[in-house]
Amino acid sequence: MKIKAPAPWTLGGSTGGNLFMLAPRWDKASYLANSANGGAATFSYLGTLYYSKAEGAPERAVALHIEKAFKAPGQTQPPICTKKIPGQTADEPLTRLYTDTARRDRNRAVAVSNCRKYFGPDYATGGKECDEFPFASTYQGAAGSEYDPYQLPNNFSVQALDGTQNGNAGNLLGQFVSKYRILDGPDDGYLVQITG
């Protein structure tokens, strides 16, 4: 596409380029707000969930865990040196897992099993919980390779951390997928970014 100003005006900067358009999708699902009203055609948008690692942030422990999973995946549990945790680039976004509750439960079970294995059977002492990334509510969760032959086994991270902060991060995630109207499945995705 090229843009040309009518005489006597001139344009500065770029006046042409290739068009890019994200595929539209029908924005309706029973778990999205106002779906009873019919939904609408919308352009896909790769939203970003922000977690803060700043001192005092209510989700700080989870943000630090995810940052470690992104920057030093081989140093996380389970210890696999070939890990490449998804959710940080547009090429490998996270995708929402909503309708398959058995798969979500399996993601959590695999994560908890790994927390017990690497942090001991009493890892939850003192109000800790097993935090997993990618989230159990994604297709990339801890059990992903059991369902998808293209996912690498153990390509996730678990850590025992403060249960209150884990809950706060979960609340932010729930609000995010609701407000951004993230659909279940591979056609809609999102990223996670650590700030602070």
N, C-alpha and C. Protein backbone atom coordinates (compact mmCIF):
# COMPACT_ATOMS: atom_id res chain seq x y z
N MET A 1 0.84 -1.16 0.00
CA MET A 1 0.00 0.00 0.00
C MET A 1 0.89 1.23 0.00
N LYS A 2 0.49 2.24 -0.77
CA LYS A 2 1.21 3.52 -0.80
C LYS A 2 0.21 4.64 -0.58
N ILE A 3 0.68 5.64 0.14
CA ILE A 3 -0.15 6.81 0.42
C ILE A 3 0.47 8.01 -0.28
N LYS A 4 -0.37 8.78 -0.97
CA LYS A 4 0.10 9.99 -1.64
C LYS A 4 -0.85 11.12 -1.28
N ALA A 5 -0.26 12.22 -0.81
CA ALA A 5 -1.07 13.38 -0.42
C ALA A 5 -1.50 14.15 -1.66
N PRO A 6 -2.73 14.69 -1.66
CA PRO A 6 -3.16 15.50 -2.80
C PRO A 6 -2.38 16.83 -2.81
N ALA A 7 -2.16 17.35 -4.01
CA ALA A 7 -1.45 18.62 -4.14
C ALA A 7 -2.24 19.71 -3.43
N PRO A 8 -1.65 20.61 -2.78
CA PRO A 8 -0.23 20.94 -2.68
C PRO A 8 0.43 20.34 -1.44
N TRP A 9 -0.21 19.42 -0.74
CA TRP A 9 0.35 18.88 0.49
C TRP A 9 1.39 17.80 0.21
N THR A 10 2.28 17.62 1.18
CA THR A 10 3.26 16.54 1.10
C THR A 10 3.25 15.77 2.40
N LEU A 11 3.67 14.55 2.34
CA LEU A 11 3.75 13.71 3.53
C LEU A 11 5.20 13.45 3.88
N GLY A 12 5.50 13.35 5.19
CA GLY A 12 6.83 12.98 5.64
C GLY A 12 6.79 11.57 6.22
N GLY A 13 7.96 11.01 6.44
CA GLY A 13 8.03 9.67 7.04
C GLY A 13 7.67 8.60 6.03
N SER A 14 7.29 7.46 6.53
CA SER A 14 6.96 6.32 5.68
C SER A 14 5.63 6.56 4.98
N THR A 15 5.62 6.33 3.69
CA THR A 15 4.39 6.51 2.92
C THR A 15 3.93 5.23 2.25
N GLY A 16 4.45 4.09 2.70
CA GLY A 16 4.03 2.83 2.11
C GLY A 16 4.50 1.64 2.91
N GLY A 17 3.97 0.49 2.58
CA GLY A 17 4.36 -0.73 3.27
C GLY A 17 3.37 -1.84 3.00
N ASN A 18 3.65 -3.01 3.57
CA ASN A 18 2.76 -4.16 3.42
C ASN A 18 1.70 -4.14 4.51
N LEU A 19 0.49 -4.48 4.14
CA LEU A 19 -0.60 -4.54 5.10
C LEU A 19 -0.51 -5.82 5.92
N PHE A 20 -0.87 -5.72 7.19
CA PHE A 20 -0.93 -6.88 8.07
C PHE A 20 -2.24 -6.82 8.82
N MET A 21 -2.92 -7.95 8.88
CA MET A 21 -4.19 -7.97 9.60
C MET A 21 -4.30 -9.27 10.38
N LEU A 22 -4.60 -9.16 11.65
CA LEU A 22 -4.88 -10.35 12.44
C LEU A 22 -6.25 -10.88 12.05
N ALA A 23 -6.39 -12.17 12.01
CA ALA A 23 -7.67 -12.77 11.63
C ALA A 23 -8.75 -12.43 12.64
N PRO A 24 -9.94 -12.09 12.16
CA PRO A 24 -11.03 -11.83 13.11
C PRO A 24 -11.55 -13.14 13.70
N ARG A 25 -12.23 -13.02 14.82
CA ARG A 25 -12.83 -14.18 15.46
C ARG A 25 -14.19 -13.78 16.00
N TRP A 26 -15.05 -14.78 16.20
CA TRP A 26 -16.37 -14.50 16.77
C TRP A 26 -16.22 -14.55 18.29
N ASP A 27 -16.52 -13.44 18.93
CA ASP A 27 -16.29 -13.24 20.35
C ASP A 27 -17.53 -13.67 21.15
N LYS A 28 -17.73 -14.98 21.25
CA LYS A 28 -18.85 -15.48 22.04
C LYS A 28 -18.49 -16.83 22.63
N ALA A 29 -18.68 -16.96 23.93
CA ALA A 29 -18.52 -18.23 24.63
C ALA A 29 -19.31 -18.11 25.93
N SER A 30 -19.85 -19.20 26.39
CA SER A 30 -20.71 -19.17 27.58
C SER A 30 -19.99 -18.63 28.80
N TYR A 31 -18.67 -18.75 28.87
CA TYR A 31 -17.90 -18.30 30.03
C TYR A 31 -17.46 -16.84 29.93
N LEU A 32 -17.78 -16.16 28.81
CA LEU A 32 -17.45 -14.75 28.67
C LEU A 32 -18.64 -13.89 29.06
N ALA A 33 -18.37 -12.72 29.62
CA ALA A 33 -19.43 -11.81 30.05
C ALA A 33 -20.30 -11.42 28.86
N ASN A 34 -21.59 -11.30 29.10
CA ASN A 34 -22.57 -10.83 28.12
C ASN A 34 -22.70 -11.72 26.89
N SER A 35 -22.30 -12.97 26.97
CA SER A 35 -22.41 -13.84 25.80
C SER A 35 -23.85 -14.15 25.44
N ALA A 36 -24.75 -14.02 26.40
CA ALA A 36 -26.16 -14.26 26.11
C ALA A 36 -26.69 -13.25 25.10
N ASN A 37 -25.99 -12.12 24.96
CA ASN A 37 -26.41 -11.08 24.01
C ASN A 37 -25.89 -11.32 22.61
N GLY A 38 -25.15 -12.42 22.38
CA GLY A 38 -24.78 -12.79 21.03
C GLY A 38 -23.34 -12.67 20.63
N GLY A 39 -22.53 -11.90 21.32
CA GLY A 39 -21.14 -11.76 20.92
C GLY A 39 -20.99 -10.86 19.72
N ALA A 40 -19.77 -10.79 19.18
CA ALA A 40 -19.50 -9.92 18.04
C ALA A 40 -18.25 -10.40 17.32
N ALA A 41 -18.08 -9.95 16.08
CA ALA A 41 -16.85 -10.22 15.34
C ALA A 41 -15.81 -9.22 15.81
N THR A 42 -14.66 -9.71 16.23
CA THR A 42 -13.59 -8.83 16.70
C THR A 42 -12.28 -9.25 16.07
N PHE A 43 -11.35 -8.32 16.00
CA PHE A 43 -10.02 -8.67 15.54
C PHE A 43 -9.25 -9.28 16.69
N SER A 44 -8.49 -10.31 16.40
CA SER A 44 -7.68 -10.94 17.44
C SER A 44 -6.64 -9.95 17.92
N TYR A 45 -6.35 -10.02 19.19
CA TYR A 45 -5.39 -9.13 19.80
C TYR A 45 -4.59 -9.93 20.81
N LEU A 46 -3.30 -9.87 20.75
CA LEU A 46 -2.45 -10.61 21.67
C LEU A 46 -2.20 -9.74 22.90
N GLY A 47 -3.04 -9.91 23.91
CA GLY A 47 -2.93 -9.12 25.13
C GLY A 47 -1.76 -9.56 26.00
N THR A 48 -1.40 -8.71 26.94
CA THR A 48 -0.30 -9.00 27.85
C THR A 48 -0.77 -8.88 29.29
N LEU A 49 -0.53 -9.92 30.06
CA LEU A 49 -0.79 -9.94 31.50
C LEU A 49 0.47 -9.45 32.19
N TYR A 50 0.34 -8.41 33.01
CA TYR A 50 1.49 -7.85 33.71
C TYR A 50 1.49 -8.28 35.17
N TYR A 51 2.63 -8.80 35.62
CA TYR A 51 2.85 -9.09 37.03
C TYR A 51 4.03 -8.25 37.49
N SER A 52 3.93 -7.73 38.72
CA SER A 52 4.98 -6.87 39.25
C SER A 52 5.86 -7.62 40.25
N LYS A 53 7.17 -7.42 40.12
CA LYS A 53 8.12 -7.97 41.08
C LYS A 53 8.60 -6.90 42.06
N ALA A 54 7.96 -5.75 42.05
CA ALA A 54 8.35 -4.66 42.94
C ALA A 54 8.09 -5.03 44.40
N GLU A 55 8.92 -4.53 45.29
CA GLU A 55 8.71 -4.75 46.72
C GLU A 55 7.30 -4.33 47.08
N GLY A 56 6.60 -5.17 47.81
CA GLY A 56 5.25 -4.86 48.24
C GLY A 56 4.15 -5.25 47.26
N ALA A 57 4.50 -5.63 46.05
CA ALA A 57 3.48 -6.05 45.09
C ALA A 57 2.81 -7.32 45.61
N PRO A 58 1.49 -7.40 45.60
CA PRO A 58 0.80 -8.55 46.18
C PRO A 58 1.06 -9.87 45.45
N GLU A 59 1.58 -9.81 44.23
CA GLU A 59 1.87 -11.02 43.45
C GLU A 59 3.37 -11.21 43.23
N ARG A 60 4.19 -10.52 44.00
CA ARG A 60 5.64 -10.46 43.79
C ARG A 60 6.30 -11.84 43.69
N ALA A 61 5.96 -12.76 44.58
CA ALA A 61 6.60 -14.08 44.58
C ALA A 61 6.35 -14.82 43.27
N VAL A 62 5.15 -14.70 42.75
CA VAL A 62 4.82 -15.35 41.47
C VAL A 62 5.57 -14.66 40.33
N ALA A 63 5.63 -13.34 40.36
CA ALA A 63 6.35 -12.59 39.32
C ALA A 63 7.82 -13.01 39.28
N LEU A 64 8.44 -13.17 40.45
CA LEU A 64 9.84 -13.59 40.51
C LEU A 64 10.01 -15.01 39.97
N HIS A 65 9.04 -15.87 40.27
CA HIS A 65 9.09 -17.24 39.76
C HIS A 65 9.01 -17.24 38.23
N ILE A 66 8.07 -16.50 37.67
CA ILE A 66 7.91 -16.46 36.22
C ILE A 66 9.14 -15.84 35.56
N GLU A 67 9.67 -14.80 36.16
CA GLU A 67 10.88 -14.18 35.61
C GLU A 67 12.03 -15.19 35.54
N LYS A 68 12.18 -15.97 36.59
CA LYS A 68 13.23 -17.00 36.59
C LYS A 68 12.95 -18.05 35.51
N ALA A 69 11.69 -18.44 35.36
CA ALA A 69 11.32 -19.42 34.33
C ALA A 69 11.63 -18.90 32.93
N PHE A 70 11.45 -17.59 32.70
CA PHE A 70 11.76 -16.99 31.41
C PHE A 70 13.27 -16.84 31.19
N LYS A 71 13.96 -16.33 32.20
CA LYS A 71 15.37 -15.97 32.02
C LYS A 71 16.36 -17.11 32.28
N ALA A 72 16.00 -18.02 33.18
CA ALA A 72 16.90 -19.13 33.52
C ALA A 72 16.11 -20.43 33.64
N PRO A 73 15.43 -20.84 32.57
CA PRO A 73 14.54 -22.01 32.67
C PRO A 73 15.23 -23.28 33.11
N GLY A 74 16.50 -23.46 32.74
CA GLY A 74 17.23 -24.66 33.12
C GLY A 74 17.53 -24.74 34.60
N GLN A 75 17.34 -23.63 35.33
CA GLN A 75 17.59 -23.61 36.77
C GLN A 75 16.31 -23.78 37.57
N THR A 76 15.21 -24.08 36.89
CA THR A 76 13.94 -24.27 37.58
C THR A 76 13.65 -25.75 37.72
N GLN A 77 12.62 -26.07 38.49
CA GLN A 77 12.21 -27.45 38.71
C GLN A 77 10.98 -27.76 37.86
N PRO A 78 10.94 -28.91 37.19
CA PRO A 78 11.95 -29.95 37.12
C PRO A 78 13.16 -29.49 36.30
N PRO A 79 14.35 -29.99 36.65
CA PRO A 79 15.59 -29.50 36.03
C PRO A 79 15.86 -30.10 34.65
N ILE A 80 15.46 -29.39 33.63
CA ILE A 80 15.69 -29.81 32.24
C ILE A 80 16.41 -28.66 31.54
N CYS A 81 17.58 -28.91 31.03
CA CYS A 81 18.39 -27.83 30.44
C CYS A 81 17.85 -27.32 29.10
N THR A 82 16.94 -28.07 28.47
CA THR A 82 16.42 -27.66 27.16
C THR A 82 15.10 -26.91 27.25
N LYS A 83 14.69 -26.52 28.43
CA LYS A 83 13.40 -25.83 28.57
C LYS A 83 13.39 -24.52 27.81
N LYS A 84 12.24 -24.24 27.21
CA LYS A 84 11.97 -22.93 26.63
C LYS A 84 10.52 -22.64 26.97
N ILE A 85 10.35 -21.92 28.05
CA ILE A 85 9.01 -21.68 28.60
C ILE A 85 8.23 -20.72 27.70
N PRO A 86 7.03 -21.12 27.25
CA PRO A 86 6.23 -20.24 26.41
C PRO A 86 5.58 -19.11 27.21
N GLY A 87 5.03 -18.15 26.48
CA GLY A 87 4.29 -17.05 27.11
C GLY A 87 5.02 -15.73 27.09
N GLN A 88 6.22 -15.70 26.48
CA GLN A 88 6.95 -14.44 26.47
C GLN A 88 7.11 -13.83 25.08
N THR A 89 6.76 -14.57 24.01
CA THR A 89 6.85 -14.03 22.66
C THR A 89 5.58 -14.34 21.88
N ALA A 90 5.35 -13.53 20.85
CA ALA A 90 4.16 -13.72 20.02
C ALA A 90 4.18 -15.05 19.28
N ASP A 91 5.38 -15.60 19.05
CA ASP A 91 5.49 -16.90 18.38
C ASP A 91 5.04 -18.05 19.27
N GLU A 92 5.13 -17.88 20.59
CA GLU A 92 4.76 -18.93 21.54
C GLU A 92 3.94 -18.34 22.69
N PRO A 93 2.71 -17.92 22.40
CA PRO A 93 1.87 -17.36 23.46
C PRO A 93 1.27 -18.47 24.32
N LEU A 94 0.67 -18.09 25.41
CA LEU A 94 -0.13 -19.01 26.21
C LEU A 94 -1.54 -19.02 25.64
N THR A 95 -2.19 -20.16 25.69
CA THR A 95 -3.57 -20.26 25.21
C THR A 95 -4.45 -20.79 26.33
N ARG A 96 -5.62 -20.21 26.44
CA ARG A 96 -6.52 -20.50 27.56
C ARG A 96 -7.14 -21.88 27.46
N LEU A 97 -7.09 -22.59 28.58
CA LEU A 97 -7.71 -23.90 28.73
C LEU A 97 -8.87 -23.73 29.70
N TYR A 98 -10.09 -23.73 29.18
CA TYR A 98 -11.25 -23.49 30.04
C TYR A 98 -12.20 -24.68 30.05
N THR A 99 -12.58 -25.16 28.89
CA THR A 99 -13.66 -26.15 28.84
C THR A 99 -13.25 -27.55 29.28
N ASP A 100 -12.00 -27.92 29.14
CA ASP A 100 -11.55 -29.26 29.51
C ASP A 100 -11.06 -29.26 30.96
N THR A 101 -12.00 -29.41 31.89
CA THR A 101 -11.64 -29.35 33.31
C THR A 101 -10.74 -30.51 33.72
N ALA A 102 -10.89 -31.67 33.07
CA ALA A 102 -10.03 -32.81 33.40
C ALA A 102 -8.57 -32.50 33.05
N ARG A 103 -8.36 -31.81 31.95
CA ARG A 103 -6.99 -31.46 31.57
C ARG A 103 -6.42 -30.40 32.52
N ARG A 104 -7.24 -29.43 32.92
CA ARG A 104 -6.78 -28.44 33.91
C ARG A 104 -6.40 -29.14 35.21
N ASP A 105 -7.24 -30.07 35.65
CA ASP A 105 -6.94 -30.82 36.88
C ASP A 105 -5.66 -31.63 36.72
N ARG A 106 -5.45 -32.20 35.54
CA ARG A 106 -4.22 -32.97 35.30
C ARG A 106 -2.99 -32.06 35.33
N ASN A 107 -3.11 -30.86 34.76
CA ASN A 107 -2.01 -29.88 34.84
C ASN A 107 -1.64 -29.62 36.30
N ARG A 108 -2.65 -29.41 37.14
CA ARG A 108 -2.40 -29.13 38.56
C ARG A 108 -1.78 -30.35 39.25
N ALA A 109 -2.30 -31.54 38.93
CA ALA A 109 -1.78 -32.76 39.57
C ALA A 109 -0.31 -32.98 39.23
N VAL A 110 0.07 -32.77 37.98
CA VAL A 110 1.47 -32.94 37.58
C VAL A 110 2.34 -31.90 38.28
N ALA A 111 1.85 -30.68 38.37
CA ALA A 111 2.60 -29.63 39.06
C ALA A 111 2.81 -29.97 40.53
N VAL A 112 1.75 -30.37 41.21
CA VAL A 112 1.84 -30.71 42.64
C VAL A 112 2.76 -31.90 42.85
N SER A 113 2.68 -32.88 41.98
CA SER A 113 3.57 -34.04 42.07
C SER A 113 5.03 -33.61 41.99
N ASN A 114 5.32 -32.66 41.12
CA ASN A 114 6.69 -32.15 40.99
C ASN A 114 7.09 -31.30 42.19
N CYS A 115 6.17 -30.54 42.76
CA CYS A 115 6.49 -29.79 43.98
C CYS A 115 6.86 -30.75 45.11
N ARG A 116 6.08 -31.83 45.24
CA ARG A 116 6.40 -32.83 46.27
C ARG A 116 7.77 -33.45 46.02
N LYS A 117 8.04 -33.75 44.76
CA LYS A 117 9.30 -34.40 44.40
C LYS A 117 10.51 -33.52 44.68
N TYR A 118 10.43 -32.23 44.33
CA TYR A 118 11.59 -31.36 44.42
C TYR A 118 11.65 -30.51 45.69
N PHE A 119 10.52 -30.30 46.36
CA PHE A 119 10.52 -29.47 47.57
C PHE A 119 10.11 -30.25 48.81
N GLY A 120 9.85 -31.55 48.64
CA GLY A 120 9.51 -32.41 49.77
C GLY A 120 8.02 -32.51 49.98
N PRO A 121 7.57 -33.59 50.65
CA PRO A 121 6.13 -33.80 50.86
C PRO A 121 5.49 -32.73 51.75
N ASP A 122 6.31 -32.01 52.51
CA ASP A 122 5.78 -30.97 53.39
C ASP A 122 6.03 -29.58 52.82
N TYR A 123 6.11 -29.46 51.49
CA TYR A 123 6.41 -28.17 50.85
C TYR A 123 5.39 -27.09 51.20
N ALA A 124 4.17 -27.49 51.56
CA ALA A 124 3.11 -26.52 51.85
C ALA A 124 3.13 -26.01 53.28
N THR A 125 4.10 -26.45 54.07
CA THR A 125 4.20 -25.98 55.45
C THR A 125 4.34 -24.47 55.49
N GLY A 126 3.65 -23.85 56.43
CA GLY A 126 3.76 -22.40 56.58
C GLY A 126 2.93 -21.61 55.58
N GLY A 127 1.94 -22.24 55.01
CA GLY A 127 1.05 -21.52 54.09
C GLY A 127 1.55 -21.42 52.66
N LYS A 128 2.48 -22.27 52.29
CA LYS A 128 2.97 -22.25 50.91
C LYS A 128 2.05 -23.06 50.01
N GLU A 129 2.15 -22.77 48.73
CA GLU A 129 1.41 -23.50 47.71
C GLU A 129 2.35 -23.82 46.56
N CYS A 130 1.92 -24.75 45.73
CA CYS A 130 2.69 -25.11 44.54
C CYS A 130 2.27 -24.18 43.41
N ASP A 131 3.18 -23.31 43.01
CA ASP A 131 2.93 -22.41 41.89
C ASP A 131 3.53 -23.04 40.64
N GLU A 132 2.76 -23.04 39.55
CA GLU A 132 3.25 -23.61 38.31
C GLU A 132 3.17 -22.58 37.19
N PHE A 133 4.13 -22.63 36.31
CA PHE A 133 4.10 -21.79 35.12
C PHE A 133 4.66 -22.60 33.97
N PRO A 134 4.01 -22.63 32.81
CA PRO A 134 2.75 -22.00 32.48
C PRO A 134 1.60 -22.44 33.40
N PHE A 135 0.63 -21.57 33.47
CA PHE A 135 -0.50 -21.79 34.37
C PHE A 135 -1.25 -23.09 34.05
N ALA A 136 -1.87 -23.66 35.08
CA ALA A 136 -2.68 -24.87 34.89
C ALA A 136 -3.86 -24.60 33.97
N SER A 137 -4.27 -23.35 33.85
CA SER A 137 -5.41 -22.98 33.01
C SER A 137 -4.99 -22.68 31.58
N THR A 138 -3.83 -23.23 31.15
CA THR A 138 -3.38 -23.07 29.77
C THR A 138 -3.11 -24.43 29.14
N TYR A 139 -3.16 -24.47 27.83
CA TYR A 139 -2.83 -25.70 27.10
C TYR A 139 -1.35 -26.02 27.23
N GLN A 140 -0.54 -25.06 27.64
CA GLN A 140 0.89 -25.27 27.80
C GLN A 140 1.25 -25.71 29.22
N GLY A 141 0.26 -25.98 30.06
CA GLY A 141 0.47 -26.36 31.45
C GLY A 141 1.32 -27.61 31.63
N ALA A 142 1.55 -28.00 32.87
CA ALA A 142 2.49 -29.06 33.23
C ALA A 142 2.22 -30.40 32.55
N ALA A 143 0.98 -30.71 32.24
CA ALA A 143 0.66 -31.99 31.60
C ALA A 143 0.54 -31.86 30.09
N GLY A 144 0.94 -30.74 29.53
CA GLY A 144 0.76 -30.47 28.10
C GLY A 144 1.28 -31.55 27.19
N SER A 145 2.46 -32.11 27.50
CA SER A 145 3.06 -33.11 26.62
C SER A 145 2.28 -34.43 26.62
N GLU A 146 1.44 -34.66 27.61
CA GLU A 146 0.61 -35.86 27.64
C GLU A 146 -0.51 -35.78 26.60
N TYR A 147 -0.86 -34.57 26.20
CA TYR A 147 -1.97 -34.33 25.28
C TYR A 147 -1.51 -33.90 23.89
N ASP A 148 -0.33 -33.29 23.83
CA ASP A 148 0.16 -32.72 22.58
C ASP A 148 1.57 -33.23 22.31
N PRO A 149 1.74 -34.05 21.26
CA PRO A 149 3.07 -34.62 20.99
C PRO A 149 4.11 -33.57 20.60
N TYR A 150 3.68 -32.36 20.27
CA TYR A 150 4.63 -31.31 19.90
C TYR A 150 5.16 -30.54 21.10
N GLN A 151 4.55 -30.75 22.28
CA GLN A 151 5.05 -30.10 23.48
C GLN A 151 6.14 -30.95 24.12
N LEU A 152 7.20 -30.30 24.54
CA LEU A 152 8.30 -31.01 25.19
C LEU A 152 7.90 -31.43 26.59
N PRO A 153 8.25 -32.64 27.01
CA PRO A 153 7.98 -33.06 28.39
C PRO A 153 8.75 -32.17 29.37
N ASN A 154 8.16 -31.92 30.51
CA ASN A 154 8.76 -31.14 31.60
C ASN A 154 9.14 -29.71 31.19
N ASN A 155 8.45 -29.15 30.23
CA ASN A 155 8.72 -27.78 29.79
C ASN A 155 7.87 -26.79 30.60
N PHE A 156 8.04 -26.86 31.90
CA PHE A 156 7.30 -26.01 32.83
C PHE A 156 8.16 -25.81 34.06
N SER A 157 7.71 -24.93 34.95
CA SER A 157 8.43 -24.69 36.19
C SER A 157 7.46 -24.72 37.36
N VAL A 158 7.90 -25.33 38.46
CA VAL A 158 7.13 -25.30 39.70
C VAL A 158 7.99 -24.73 40.81
N GLN A 159 7.32 -24.10 41.77
CA GLN A 159 8.02 -23.56 42.93
C GLN A 159 7.04 -23.47 44.09
N ALA A 160 7.51 -23.83 45.27
CA ALA A 160 6.70 -23.68 46.48
C ALA A 160 6.87 -22.24 46.93
N LEU A 161 5.75 -21.52 47.01
CA LEU A 161 5.85 -20.12 47.43
C LEU A 161 4.61 -19.70 48.21
N ASP A 162 4.64 -18.50 48.72
CA ASP A 162 3.59 -17.98 49.59
C ASP A 162 2.20 -18.13 48.96
N GLY A 163 1.31 -18.80 49.70
CA GLY A 163 -0.02 -19.09 49.18
C GLY A 163 -0.86 -17.85 48.94
N THR A 164 -0.71 -16.81 49.77
CA THR A 164 -1.48 -15.59 49.58
C THR A 164 -1.06 -14.90 48.29
N GLN A 165 0.24 -14.82 48.05
CA GLN A 165 0.70 -14.19 46.81
C GLN A 165 0.30 -15.02 45.59
N ASN A 166 0.33 -16.33 45.73
CA ASN A 166 -0.11 -17.20 44.64
C ASN A 166 -1.58 -16.93 44.33
N GLY A 167 -2.39 -16.79 45.38
CA GLY A 167 -3.81 -16.48 45.19
C GLY A 167 -4.02 -15.11 44.56
N ASN A 168 -3.21 -14.13 44.97
CA ASN A 168 -3.32 -12.79 44.38
C ASN A 168 -3.01 -12.83 42.88
N ALA A 169 -1.97 -13.56 42.52
CA ALA A 169 -1.61 -13.69 41.10
C ALA A 169 -2.72 -14.41 40.33
N GLY A 170 -3.31 -15.41 40.95
CA GLY A 170 -4.43 -16.12 40.31
C GLY A 170 -5.62 -15.22 40.08
N ASN A 171 -5.90 -14.33 41.04
CA ASN A 171 -6.99 -13.36 40.88
C ASN A 171 -6.71 -12.43 39.71
N LEU A 172 -5.47 -11.96 39.60
CA LEU A 172 -5.11 -11.09 38.47
C LEU A 172 -5.27 -11.82 37.14
N LEU A 173 -4.86 -13.08 37.11
CA LEU A 173 -5.01 -13.87 35.89
C LEU A 173 -6.49 -14.00 35.52
N GLY A 174 -7.33 -14.32 36.50
CA GLY A 174 -8.76 -14.46 36.25
C GLY A 174 -9.38 -13.17 35.72
N GLN A 175 -9.00 -12.04 36.31
CA GLN A 175 -9.51 -10.75 35.85
C GLN A 175 -9.03 -10.46 34.43
N PHE A 176 -7.78 -10.79 34.17
CA PHE A 176 -7.21 -10.53 32.84
C PHE A 176 -7.95 -11.31 31.75
N VAL A 177 -8.09 -12.63 31.91
CA VAL A 177 -8.73 -13.43 30.85
C VAL A 177 -10.19 -13.04 30.68
N SER A 178 -10.81 -12.54 31.76
CA SER A 178 -12.19 -12.08 31.67
C SER A 178 -12.30 -10.75 30.92
N LYS A 179 -11.49 -9.79 31.32
CA LYS A 179 -11.53 -8.46 30.70
C LYS A 179 -11.08 -8.49 29.24
N TYR A 180 -10.09 -9.31 28.92
CA TYR A 180 -9.60 -9.41 27.55
C TYR A 180 -10.41 -10.41 26.73
N ARG A 181 -11.37 -11.06 27.37
CA ARG A 181 -12.28 -11.99 26.71
C ARG A 181 -11.49 -13.07 25.95
N ILE A 182 -10.53 -13.68 26.66
CA ILE A 182 -9.69 -14.70 26.05
C ILE A 182 -10.51 -15.98 25.87
N LEU A 183 -10.53 -16.48 24.64
CA LEU A 183 -11.29 -17.68 24.32
C LEU A 183 -10.46 -18.94 24.56
N ASP A 184 -11.13 -20.02 24.86
CA ASP A 184 -10.50 -21.34 24.98
C ASP A 184 -9.98 -21.77 23.61
N GLY A 185 -8.78 -22.32 23.60
CA GLY A 185 -8.27 -22.92 22.37
C GLY A 185 -7.12 -22.20 21.75
N PRO A 186 -6.63 -22.74 20.64
CA PRO A 186 -5.39 -22.26 20.02
C PRO A 186 -5.52 -20.97 19.21
N ASP A 187 -6.73 -20.48 18.99
CA ASP A 187 -6.90 -19.31 18.13
C ASP A 187 -6.85 -17.99 18.88
N ASP A 188 -6.63 -18.03 20.17
CA ASP A 188 -6.58 -16.82 20.97
C ASP A 188 -5.48 -17.01 22.01
N GLY A 189 -4.60 -16.07 22.16
CA GLY A 189 -3.48 -16.24 23.08
C GLY A 189 -3.15 -14.97 23.82
N TYR A 190 -2.21 -15.08 24.74
CA TYR A 190 -1.75 -13.92 25.49
C TYR A 190 -0.33 -14.14 25.97
N LEU A 191 0.31 -13.05 26.37
CA LEU A 191 1.67 -13.07 26.88
C LEU A 191 1.69 -12.68 28.35
N VAL A 192 2.80 -12.96 29.00
CA VAL A 192 3.01 -12.53 30.39
C VAL A 192 4.28 -11.70 30.41
N GLN A 193 4.21 -10.56 31.08
CA GLN A 193 5.39 -9.70 31.20
C GLN A 193 5.59 -9.32 32.66
N ILE A 194 6.84 -9.36 33.11
CA ILE A 194 7.18 -9.01 34.48
C ILE A 194 7.68 -7.57 34.50
N THR A 195 7.12 -6.76 35.38
CA THR A 195 7.50 -5.36 35.51
C THR A 195 8.12 -5.14 36.90
N GLY A 196 8.66 -3.94 37.05
CA GLY A 196 9.07 -3.52 38.38
C GLY A 196 10.45 -3.68 38.76
